[in-house]
Structures are given as structure tokens and as C-alpha cells.
């Protein structure tokens, strides 16, 4: 039996969508939240991956008590700040 892990993705552009697509196929990966600045990308995540919690404000994802792991797929310039937060 595989233990489920609640995962969030910050950045739902090209690489974020790739990660979400692969994670959605994995046993034990539960996609619980996504953050992106683009409403179009957030709608894609809701429609294609069934993610209910979407936000343009990534700190909301980081403060979500359900989230156990975060994958940072934002642009390279933001990686350090997001990881630091």
C-alpha cells in the first residue's frame, strides 16, 4: 500500500504542467494546490487535473496545512525567493 503525499506546484507554465501531468499518473501523489500568475494556467489545472485550490499568490500554497511537499516550477529568478519563503 502506497502512502499518499499531498503535493502542491508553484508555477503552472510549461514545466509545471509537465510535472502535474506526470504526478497525476502516480499512485500516492495527491495534487492539492497550484499557484501561478496566469488565470489561464490555473483554469487548465482545475479542468485537467481536478485541482480545487488554485491561487495567484504562492504564499497561500506554502501556508496550506494540507500541503506536505512543494514542487517549484516558477521561473528561475523566483526559485530562491520561493524556497526561502
Protein backbone atom coordinates (compact mmCIF):
# COMPACT_ATOMS: atom_id res chain seq x y z
CA UNK A 1 0.00 0.00 0.00
CA UNK A 2 1.37 3.37 -1.05
CA UNK A 3 1.07 6.26 1.38
CA UNK A 4 -0.43 9.35 -0.24
CA UNK A 5 1.55 12.57 -0.30
CA UNK A 6 -0.23 15.92 -0.66
CA UNK A 7 1.68 17.86 -3.30
CA UNK A 8 1.48 21.47 -4.47
CA UNK A 9 3.07 23.00 -7.55
CA UNK A 10 4.16 26.62 -7.76
CA UNK A 11 4.32 27.68 -11.38
CA UNK A 12 1.95 26.07 -13.86
CA UNK A 13 3.59 27.07 -17.12
CA UNK A 14 5.33 24.63 -19.44
CA UNK A 15 7.34 22.72 -16.81
CA UNK A 16 4.66 22.94 -14.15
CA UNK A 17 2.15 21.32 -16.48
CA UNK A 18 4.67 18.59 -17.31
CA UNK A 19 5.16 17.85 -13.60
CA UNK A 20 1.42 17.93 -12.94
CA UNK A 21 0.76 15.56 -15.82
CA UNK A 22 3.27 13.01 -14.54
CA UNK A 23 2.23 13.39 -10.90
CA UNK A 24 -1.41 12.85 -11.82
CA UNK A 25 -0.45 9.36 -13.08
CA UNK A 26 1.41 8.34 -9.91
CA UNK A 27 -0.09 6.25 -7.15
CA UNK A 28 0.17 8.09 -3.89
CA UNK A 29 0.56 11.58 -5.37
CA UNK A 30 -2.39 13.75 -4.41
CA UNK A 31 -2.37 17.14 -6.15
CA UNK A 32 -3.88 19.58 -3.68
CA UNK A 33 -2.86 23.08 -4.76
CA UNK A 34 -1.34 25.09 -7.59
CA UNK A 35 -0.14 28.66 -7.79
CA UNK A 36 0.50 30.63 -10.96
CA UNK A 37 0.15 34.24 -12.07
CA UNK A 38 -1.85 33.25 -15.15
CA UNK A 39 -5.58 32.64 -14.72
CA UNK A 40 -5.46 30.62 -17.95
CA UNK A 41 -2.87 28.24 -16.43
CA UNK A 42 -4.91 27.93 -13.24
CA UNK A 43 -8.05 27.10 -15.21
CA UNK A 44 -6.07 24.46 -17.12
CA UNK A 45 -5.07 22.87 -13.80
CA UNK A 46 -8.63 22.88 -12.50
CA UNK A 47 -10.01 21.40 -15.73
CA UNK A 48 -7.31 18.84 -16.49
CA UNK A 49 -6.04 17.75 -13.09
CA UNK A 50 -9.06 18.38 -10.83
CA UNK A 51 -7.12 20.69 -8.54
CA UNK A 52 -9.60 22.70 -6.50
CA UNK A 53 -7.23 25.05 -4.71
CA UNK A 54 -5.63 27.40 -7.20
CA UNK A 55 -4.21 30.84 -6.44
CA UNK A 56 -2.13 33.61 -7.94
CA UNK A 57 -0.50 34.10 -4.53
CA UNK A 58 2.12 31.40 -3.88
CA UNK A 59 2.39 32.11 -0.11
CA UNK A 60 -1.18 30.76 0.15
CA UNK A 61 0.16 27.42 -1.07
CA UNK A 62 3.08 27.49 1.36
CA UNK A 63 0.80 28.20 4.32
CA UNK A 64 -1.72 25.50 3.42
CA UNK A 65 -1.58 22.89 6.22
CA UNK A 66 -2.62 20.13 3.79
CA UNK A 67 0.50 20.58 1.65
CA UNK A 68 3.29 18.14 2.50
CA UNK A 69 5.58 18.74 -0.48
CA UNK A 70 6.05 21.60 -2.94
CA UNK A 71 7.50 21.48 -6.44
CA UNK A 72 8.80 24.84 -7.60
CA UNK A 73 8.31 25.31 -11.33
CA UNK A 74 8.29 29.09 -11.39
CA UNK A 75 10.80 30.98 -13.50
CA UNK A 76 14.42 30.59 -12.43
CA UNK A 77 14.68 34.08 -10.97
CA UNK A 78 11.96 33.22 -8.42
CA UNK A 79 13.25 29.84 -7.22
CA UNK A 80 15.43 31.19 -4.41
CA UNK A 81 12.78 33.53 -3.01
CA UNK A 82 10.04 30.88 -3.09
CA UNK A 83 12.28 28.27 -1.46
CA UNK A 84 13.37 30.78 1.18
CA UNK A 85 9.74 31.67 1.98
